[in-house]
Amino acid sequence: MPSATRREFCAALLSGAKGLGAPGVEVEDIVYEFTPPGNGAGPLWDYGAPGIARWGDLVFAPGLDTIPGAKPLNNCRWALHRRDARGWQRVLTDEKDRQREPCPIGVFPDGRLLVSVNPALTAPDAYNGPSDPHLLEFSVRHPGKPGRAVRPAWSGAPHLTEHTYRGLAVDSANGAALVLHNDGRGVPRAHWVYIDRKGVSRQAGVIVFPIRGCYPQAALRAQVGHVLAVGDIVEPVAEWRTWKFEQTRREWDYVFRRLYYVLAPDVASGPFLAPVEVANLDATAGHIVNLDLWLAPDGAAHLLWLERSVQSKAMRDRFFPNVPLTDSLMYCVVRNGQPGEKQIIAAGGEGGADFVPAYARFHAAPGGRLFVLASFRKEEDVKMRLLPAGAAQPAAELRLRHPFVNFMTATERGGSRPSNLIDVIGVTADAPNVIRYARIRV
């Protein structure tokens, strides 16, 4: 692929690969075990938002505790875990409020630690209802001390509930934060607030998507905001919806076939622009997972996502018998709000590799080096690789005892600095109710 975009991507990855050597897995351990809450969420449900952060030699990760005997949906409480030279310890537990979802975190160079919380405002026996989304600010040095509440000044009279599809981004250099929260009525509106280093809401607004935009990756630098979100809608094609119901007897079926990017040139003084469609798999009833967003030093937004050609094998066999069932790891660069050429950086499935890409994240190392950490699956067999490294440098396979099937990494979007250490948290195929951690040196 001789395009400028492809050359740019390979150059960034090759520059990293020159200093890569053999990536080493230094640590694998358990953060905590959890009981599935049965409320439609789980510890990695808000996969677009940052769920692990490094500050110096300390690593922080939120936890999600299911309250014994509590009624869904708001039957969980958040916790905070810290890893130092002694390993992982639980340093903070919410003893009072109830919520449905995990709580994203972010850190700043001055030691401030943000936890995005969403306590329910309903009675314990209520199924759902209004919530109170806000931030709690702690110190990384003393995370067990009470946090300071930072309350976003939302605009537009939003209806905020336990279904947040929230986003969180921090700007380390300027001490600012960007928070997002979907309107709970199911309308395609995401409410956002820009908060300065003093905790003051400087600007607020609404992103209006063509269809509901969910699980957003948000990034913020020098008051420029970026959001990557996947479209989420009940199956819109009547024939497909009827056939699916006949197969599953399930009344609802949400599909994810469109990918949107949104830019705010100055979140301190103006709105986000209209969403731009990056990918659309409506024609073959495909499936999209938005994976990551990385801001290059020049301000370009690098996007990473997964595409499945058809949502399921059964659906392919019924409606698209001539379409190979494939999974592709996709990439493109956005400049000035406009996506460039889309590239396939790994693929598998029918007519291709046996191991198909299952999940991935960017990792930024010092000096502007960029890597992609990815997991690949062949039925129950899972492998993890650092890829791609261009035609002259093959991908490096990582020797993890417990390779991840779904994971988060410490990212600049959450305040972690570029590092030669990749901090990973997630679940593995052999222990789906255990949150594990790995540290990989590049």
Foldseek 3Di string as FASTA:
>chain_A
DPDPFVVVVLVLQQVVVVPCPAWAWDDKDFQWFEDPQPQPEAACRLVQAAAWADAVQKIKGKHWYAAPPFDPDFRIWIWMWMQHPVGIDTQGTDPDFTARYYWHWFAANVFKIKTWDWGAPDDRVDHKAATQTWIWIAGNVRRNDGTDTQHFPWPDPAGAMRQFLKYKFAARVFQKIKIWGDRPVQAQKIKMFIAGNVSDTQAIDIAGAPGHWGSWNWYDYPQKIKIKTWHKDWPPDVVVQVVVCVVPVDPTDIATFWIWMWIDRGRNPDDIDHIDTDGGQVVAQKHKDWAEWDAFPVGKIKTKIKIWNHHDPVSCVVPPVPDFTKMFIKIWIDDPRRTDDIDTFFMDGVPGDQWGWQHWYWAAAPPRRIWIWTWTDRPQDIWIWIDDNDPVGHIHTYDDPFDANRWRWHDVRRPHDHHQKTWIWHAGSVRRRTIMIIIMGD
